[in-house]
Structure formats: C-alpha cells, structure tokens
Amino acid sequence: MDLQIIQNKIFEVRGCRVMLDFHLAELYQVETRALKQAVKRNLSRFPSDFAFQLTKDEWQGLITNCDKFPENIRHTPTPPLAFLEQGVAMLSSVLRSQTAIDVNISIMRAFVL
C-alpha cells in the first residue's frame, strides 16, 4: 500500500495525529457503519487516548481547512470518530481479517514517518 496515500489521511486534532473513521473504513475495505459497530461492541478497547468523537467545531475546522473529504461525508449529521495510532492498532484486532492486518502494518509505517 502506498504510504503517501495513508499519510494524506492523517490529520492533527487536539495536538494528536489521527485518522478518521471513514478513511480507515475505506482502507480496511469495510463500510464505515461496520467499523463503528466493531468499535461500539468493543468500547473497552478504545479509551479516549486511543479514539474519540470529534466535536462539531473540530469537524467543521477540518472540513474548512481540507478539500480531501467527499461531499457526502462533509454533510453527515454526526462528526466522525478519530483514531490515534494506538486506536488504529486496536482496530485490526477487532476487525479480524487479513486485510485489516495488512493495512494496519502500512498505517503503522505511515504514522512513524
């Protein structure tokens, strides 16, 4: 997987480097809804220093400063979940697929660059 594609999906929010749920769902080849369900079923694996819900202001700030979001994503009523590096690592354990493992390795490499 091209690390540049992944790096373009890493943003800074609250002073932390994060990836958003819809980008991760795209990379893991699952629906965003399925990714959120997996997180919801395993909330104890995602403390607030691993993942958090963006506030409406944070989401609006990202939309305003970034033109990388598809139009349908820009107008969702609920701001996306943001995953720090540790949260991304935890996702591969709850999604349990070879794709999740392979993508996770690439994402971990992109976070350290």
N, C-alpha and C. Protein backbone atom coordinates (compact mmCIF):
# COMPACT_ATOMS: atom_id res chain seq x y z
N MET A 1 0.85 -1.18 0.00
CA MET A 1 0.00 0.00 0.00
C MET A 1 0.89 1.24 0.00
N ASP A 2 0.51 2.22 -0.78
CA ASP A 2 1.28 3.45 -0.91
C ASP A 2 1.20 4.27 0.38
N LEU A 3 2.35 4.47 1.01
CA LEU A 3 2.38 5.20 2.28
C LEU A 3 1.93 6.65 2.13
N GLN A 4 2.15 7.23 0.95
CA GLN A 4 1.73 8.62 0.74
C GLN A 4 0.20 8.76 0.81
N ILE A 5 -0.50 7.76 0.29
CA ILE A 5 -1.97 7.78 0.36
C ILE A 5 -2.41 7.79 1.82
N ILE A 6 -1.76 6.95 2.63
CA ILE A 6 -2.11 6.88 4.05
C ILE A 6 -1.74 8.18 4.75
N GLN A 7 -0.55 8.70 4.48
CA GLN A 7 -0.11 9.94 5.14
C GLN A 7 -1.06 11.10 4.84
N ASN A 8 -1.65 11.11 3.66
CA ASN A 8 -2.60 12.17 3.30
C ASN A 8 -3.91 12.06 4.08
N LYS A 9 -4.10 10.95 4.77
CA LYS A 9 -5.32 10.74 5.56
C LYS A 9 -5.06 10.90 7.06
N ILE A 10 -3.89 11.37 7.42
CA ILE A 10 -3.55 11.61 8.82
C ILE A 10 -3.67 13.12 9.08
N PHE A 11 -4.44 13.47 10.09
CA PHE A 11 -4.69 14.87 10.43
C PHE A 11 -4.28 15.14 11.86
N GLU A 12 -4.11 16.41 12.18
CA GLU A 12 -3.83 16.79 13.56
C GLU A 12 -5.08 17.38 14.19
N VAL A 13 -5.51 16.77 15.29
CA VAL A 13 -6.66 17.23 16.06
C VAL A 13 -6.29 17.13 17.53
N ARG A 14 -6.55 18.18 18.29
CA ARG A 14 -6.23 18.22 19.73
C ARG A 14 -4.75 17.94 19.97
N GLY A 15 -3.92 18.35 19.02
CA GLY A 15 -2.48 18.16 19.16
C GLY A 15 -2.02 16.73 18.92
N CYS A 16 -2.91 15.88 18.40
CA CYS A 16 -2.58 14.47 18.15
C CYS A 16 -2.76 14.16 16.67
N ARG A 17 -1.95 13.25 16.17
CA ARG A 17 -2.11 12.76 14.81
C ARG A 17 -3.18 11.67 14.81
N VAL A 18 -4.20 11.84 13.97
CA VAL A 18 -5.33 10.91 13.95
C VAL A 18 -5.73 10.56 12.52
N MET A 19 -6.46 9.46 12.41
CA MET A 19 -7.12 9.09 11.17
C MET A 19 -8.62 9.01 11.47
N LEU A 20 -9.43 9.35 10.48
CA LEU A 20 -10.87 9.40 10.67
C LEU A 20 -11.53 8.09 10.25
N ASP A 21 -12.66 7.81 10.88
CA ASP A 21 -13.32 6.51 10.69
C ASP A 21 -13.60 6.18 9.23
N PHE A 22 -14.07 7.13 8.44
CA PHE A 22 -14.43 6.82 7.05
C PHE A 22 -13.20 6.54 6.19
N HIS A 23 -12.07 7.18 6.49
CA HIS A 23 -10.83 6.86 5.78
C HIS A 23 -10.34 5.47 6.15
N LEU A 24 -10.41 5.14 7.44
CA LEU A 24 -9.98 3.81 7.88
C LEU A 24 -10.88 2.73 7.29
N ALA A 25 -12.18 2.98 7.25
CA ALA A 25 -13.10 2.01 6.66
C ALA A 25 -12.75 1.76 5.19
N GLU A 26 -12.43 2.83 4.49
CA GLU A 26 -12.03 2.71 3.09
C GLU A 26 -10.77 1.85 2.96
N LEU A 27 -9.77 2.12 3.79
CA LEU A 27 -8.52 1.37 3.73
C LEU A 27 -8.71 -0.09 4.12
N TYR A 28 -9.52 -0.33 5.14
CA TYR A 28 -9.78 -1.70 5.62
C TYR A 28 -10.81 -2.44 4.76
N GLN A 29 -11.38 -1.73 3.79
CA GLN A 29 -12.36 -2.30 2.87
C GLN A 29 -13.60 -2.83 3.60
N VAL A 30 -14.09 -2.01 4.51
CA VAL A 30 -15.35 -2.29 5.21
C VAL A 30 -16.20 -1.03 5.16
N GLU A 31 -17.48 -1.16 5.41
CA GLU A 31 -18.33 0.02 5.49
C GLU A 31 -18.04 0.77 6.78
N THR A 32 -18.16 2.08 6.74
CA THR A 32 -17.94 2.89 7.95
C THR A 32 -18.86 2.41 9.07
N ARG A 33 -20.08 2.09 8.71
CA ARG A 33 -21.05 1.59 9.69
C ARG A 33 -20.52 0.33 10.39
N ALA A 34 -19.92 -0.59 9.64
CA ALA A 34 -19.39 -1.83 10.22
C ALA A 34 -18.21 -1.53 11.14
N LEU A 35 -17.36 -0.59 10.74
CA LEU A 35 -16.22 -0.21 11.57
C LEU A 35 -16.71 0.37 12.90
N LYS A 36 -17.70 1.27 12.83
CA LYS A 36 -18.23 1.88 14.05
C LYS A 36 -18.91 0.84 14.94
N GLN A 37 -19.58 -0.12 14.34
CA GLN A 37 -20.21 -1.19 15.13
C GLN A 37 -19.16 -2.01 15.86
N ALA A 38 -18.05 -2.32 15.17
CA ALA A 38 -16.97 -3.09 15.80
C ALA A 38 -16.41 -2.33 17.00
N VAL A 39 -16.26 -1.02 16.85
CA VAL A 39 -15.76 -0.20 17.96
C VAL A 39 -16.78 -0.19 19.10
N LYS A 40 -18.04 -0.01 18.76
CA LYS A 40 -19.09 0.05 19.78
C LYS A 40 -19.18 -1.26 20.57
N ARG A 41 -19.00 -2.39 19.89
CA ARG A 41 -19.03 -3.70 20.56
C ARG A 41 -17.81 -3.92 21.45
N ASN A 42 -16.77 -3.14 21.22
CA ASN A 42 -15.50 -3.33 21.94
C ASN A 42 -15.02 -2.03 22.57
N LEU A 43 -15.93 -1.25 23.14
CA LEU A 43 -15.58 0.07 23.68
C LEU A 43 -14.44 0.03 24.68
N SER A 44 -14.34 -1.03 25.45
CA SER A 44 -13.27 -1.10 26.46
C SER A 44 -11.88 -1.13 25.82
N ARG A 45 -11.80 -1.46 24.55
CA ARG A 45 -10.51 -1.47 23.84
C ARG A 45 -10.13 -0.10 23.28
N PHE A 46 -11.04 0.85 23.37
CA PHE A 46 -10.82 2.17 22.77
C PHE A 46 -11.01 3.29 23.79
N PRO A 47 -10.09 3.40 24.77
CA PRO A 47 -10.18 4.52 25.70
C PRO A 47 -9.97 5.84 24.95
N SER A 48 -10.25 6.93 25.61
CA SER A 48 -10.22 8.24 24.95
C SER A 48 -8.84 8.64 24.43
N ASP A 49 -7.78 8.00 24.91
CA ASP A 49 -6.46 8.30 24.35
C ASP A 49 -6.13 7.39 23.17
N PHE A 50 -7.08 6.54 22.75
CA PHE A 50 -6.95 5.71 21.55
C PHE A 50 -7.88 6.21 20.44
N ALA A 51 -9.08 6.66 20.82
CA ALA A 51 -10.07 7.12 19.84
C ALA A 51 -11.06 8.05 20.54
N PHE A 52 -11.59 9.00 19.78
CA PHE A 52 -12.58 9.92 20.34
C PHE A 52 -13.47 10.45 19.23
N GLN A 53 -14.64 10.90 19.62
CA GLN A 53 -15.59 11.51 18.70
C GLN A 53 -15.19 12.97 18.51
N LEU A 54 -15.06 13.40 17.27
CA LEU A 54 -14.79 14.81 17.02
C LEU A 54 -15.99 15.65 17.46
N THR A 55 -15.72 16.84 17.95
CA THR A 55 -16.81 17.77 18.21
C THR A 55 -17.25 18.36 16.87
N LYS A 56 -18.41 18.99 16.86
CA LYS A 56 -18.88 19.63 15.63
C LYS A 56 -17.92 20.72 15.18
N ASP A 57 -17.35 21.46 16.14
CA ASP A 57 -16.40 22.52 15.79
C ASP A 57 -15.11 21.94 15.20
N GLU A 58 -14.61 20.86 15.79
CA GLU A 58 -13.40 20.21 15.25
C GLU A 58 -13.65 19.71 13.84
N TRP A 59 -14.80 19.08 13.62
CA TRP A 59 -15.15 18.55 12.31
C TRP A 59 -15.28 19.69 11.30
N GLN A 60 -15.95 20.78 11.70
CA GLN A 60 -16.11 21.92 10.80
C GLN A 60 -14.75 22.52 10.46
N GLY A 61 -13.84 22.56 11.44
CA GLY A 61 -12.49 23.07 11.19
C GLY A 61 -11.75 22.23 10.17
N LEU A 62 -11.87 20.92 10.27
CA LEU A 62 -11.21 20.04 9.29
C LEU A 62 -11.81 20.23 7.90
N ILE A 63 -13.13 20.31 7.83
CA ILE A 63 -13.80 20.49 6.54
C ILE A 63 -13.37 21.81 5.90
N THR A 64 -13.30 22.85 6.71
CA THR A 64 -12.94 24.18 6.21
C THR A 64 -11.51 24.21 5.69
N ASN A 65 -10.60 23.52 6.36
CA ASN A 65 -9.19 23.59 6.02
C ASN A 65 -8.72 22.48 5.08
N CYS A 66 -9.60 21.59 4.69
CA CYS A 66 -9.18 20.45 3.89
C CYS A 66 -10.22 20.16 2.82
N ASP A 67 -9.77 20.04 1.59
CA ASP A 67 -10.70 19.75 0.50
C ASP A 67 -10.69 18.27 0.11
N LYS A 68 -10.14 17.41 0.97
CA LYS A 68 -10.00 15.98 0.66
C LYS A 68 -11.23 15.15 1.00
N PHE A 69 -12.25 15.75 1.57
CA PHE A 69 -13.41 14.98 2.01
C PHE A 69 -14.49 14.97 0.93
N PRO A 70 -15.04 13.81 0.62
CA PRO A 70 -16.14 13.75 -0.35
C PRO A 70 -17.34 14.56 0.14
N GLU A 71 -18.11 15.05 -0.80
CA GLU A 71 -19.25 15.91 -0.47
C GLU A 71 -20.23 15.23 0.48
N ASN A 72 -20.51 13.95 0.27
CA ASN A 72 -21.47 13.26 1.14
C ASN A 72 -20.96 13.14 2.57
N ILE A 73 -19.66 13.07 2.76
CA ILE A 73 -19.06 12.98 4.10
C ILE A 73 -19.13 14.34 4.80
N ARG A 74 -18.97 15.40 4.05
CA ARG A 74 -18.95 16.76 4.62
C ARG A 74 -20.25 17.11 5.33
N HIS A 75 -21.33 16.50 4.92
CA HIS A 75 -22.65 16.88 5.44
C HIS A 75 -23.28 15.82 6.33
N THR A 76 -22.47 14.93 6.88
CA THR A 76 -23.03 13.93 7.79
C THR A 76 -23.44 14.62 9.10
N PRO A 77 -24.54 14.18 9.70
CA PRO A 77 -25.02 14.85 10.91
C PRO A 77 -24.14 14.61 12.14
N THR A 78 -23.43 13.50 12.16
CA THR A 78 -22.58 13.17 13.30
C THR A 78 -21.12 13.25 12.89
N PRO A 79 -20.31 14.01 13.61
CA PRO A 79 -18.88 14.06 13.28
C PRO A 79 -18.25 12.67 13.39
N PRO A 80 -17.19 12.43 12.63
CA PRO A 80 -16.56 11.10 12.64
C PRO A 80 -15.78 10.82 13.93
N LEU A 81 -15.46 9.55 14.09
CA LEU A 81 -14.54 9.14 15.14
C LEU A 81 -13.12 9.40 14.66
N ALA A 82 -12.25 9.79 15.56
CA ALA A 82 -10.84 10.00 15.25
C ALA A 82 -10.04 8.95 16.02
N PHE A 83 -9.12 8.30 15.33
CA PHE A 83 -8.31 7.24 15.92
C PHE A 83 -6.85 7.65 15.96
N LEU A 84 -6.28 7.63 17.16
CA LEU A 84 -4.86 7.84 17.30
C LEU A 84 -4.15 6.55 16.88
N GLU A 85 -2.85 6.58 16.82
CA GLU A 85 -2.08 5.42 16.36
C GLU A 85 -2.46 4.15 17.12
N GLN A 86 -2.60 4.26 18.44
CA GLN A 86 -2.94 3.08 19.25
C GLN A 86 -4.34 2.57 18.92
N GLY A 87 -5.25 3.48 18.64
CA GLY A 87 -6.61 3.08 18.26
C GLY A 87 -6.64 2.38 16.92
N VAL A 88 -5.82 2.86 15.99
CA VAL A 88 -5.70 2.19 14.69
C VAL A 88 -5.18 0.77 14.88
N ALA A 89 -4.17 0.63 15.73
CA ALA A 89 -3.62 -0.71 16.00
C ALA A 89 -4.70 -1.61 16.61
N MET A 90 -5.50 -1.07 17.49
CA MET A 90 -6.55 -1.87 18.13
C MET A 90 -7.62 -2.28 17.13
N LEU A 91 -7.88 -1.45 16.13
CA LEU A 91 -8.89 -1.78 15.12
C LEU A 91 -8.60 -3.11 14.43
N SER A 92 -7.34 -3.37 14.13
CA SER A 92 -7.03 -4.62 13.43
C SER A 92 -7.40 -5.83 14.27
N SER A 93 -7.37 -5.69 15.59
CA SER A 93 -7.73 -6.83 16.44
C SER A 93 -9.23 -7.05 16.52
N VAL A 94 -10.02 -6.00 16.31
CA VAL A 94 -11.47 -6.18 16.37
C VAL A 94 -12.08 -6.45 15.00
N LEU A 95 -11.40 -6.05 13.93
CA LEU A 95 -11.92 -6.32 12.59
C LEU A 95 -11.58 -7.75 12.13
N ARG A 96 -10.48 -8.27 12.59
CA ARG A 96 -10.11 -9.68 12.39
C ARG A 96 -10.17 -10.16 10.95
N SER A 97 -9.41 -9.53 10.09
CA SER A 97 -9.30 -10.02 8.72
C SER A 97 -7.85 -9.84 8.27
N GLN A 98 -7.47 -10.58 7.27
CA GLN A 98 -6.10 -10.45 6.75
C GLN A 98 -5.91 -9.05 6.17
N THR A 99 -6.94 -8.52 5.53
CA THR A 99 -6.85 -7.15 5.00
C THR A 99 -6.58 -6.17 6.13
N ALA A 100 -7.28 -6.32 7.24
CA ALA A 100 -7.08 -5.43 8.39
C ALA A 100 -5.64 -5.50 8.89
N ILE A 101 -5.09 -6.69 8.94
CA ILE A 101 -3.71 -6.86 9.40
C ILE A 101 -2.74 -6.19 8.44
N ASP A 102 -2.91 -6.46 7.13
CA ASP A 102 -2.01 -5.90 6.12
C ASP A 102 -2.08 -4.37 6.09
N VAL A 103 -3.30 -3.84 6.11
CA VAL A 103 -3.48 -2.39 6.09
C VAL A 103 -2.90 -1.78 7.36
N ASN A 104 -3.12 -2.42 8.49
CA ASN A 104 -2.62 -1.91 9.75
C ASN A 104 -1.10 -1.76 9.74
N ILE A 105 -0.41 -2.71 9.18
CA ILE A 105 1.05 -2.63 9.09
C ILE A 105 1.46 -1.40 8.29
N SER A 106 0.79 -1.17 7.16
CA SER A 106 1.11 0.01 6.35
C SER A 106 0.80 1.31 7.09
N ILE A 107 -0.31 1.34 7.81
CA ILE A 107 -0.67 2.55 8.56
C ILE A 107 0.35 2.82 9.65
N MET A 108 0.78 1.80 10.36
CA MET A 108 1.79 1.98 11.41
C MET A 108 3.07 2.57 10.83
N ARG A 109 3.45 2.11 9.65
CA ARG A 109 4.64 2.66 8.98
C ARG A 109 4.43 4.13 8.63
N ALA A 110 3.24 4.49 8.19
CA ALA A 110 2.95 5.88 7.81
C ALA A 110 2.95 6.80 9.02
N PHE A 111 2.49 6.33 10.16
CA PHE A 111 2.46 7.16 11.37
C PHE A 111 3.87 7.52 11.83
N VAL A 112 4.83 6.66 11.63
CA VAL A 112 6.17 6.93 12.14
C VAL A 112 7.01 7.77 11.18
N LEU A 113 6.52 8.00 9.97
CA LEU A 113 7.27 8.83 9.02
C LEU A 113 7.11 10.30 9.31
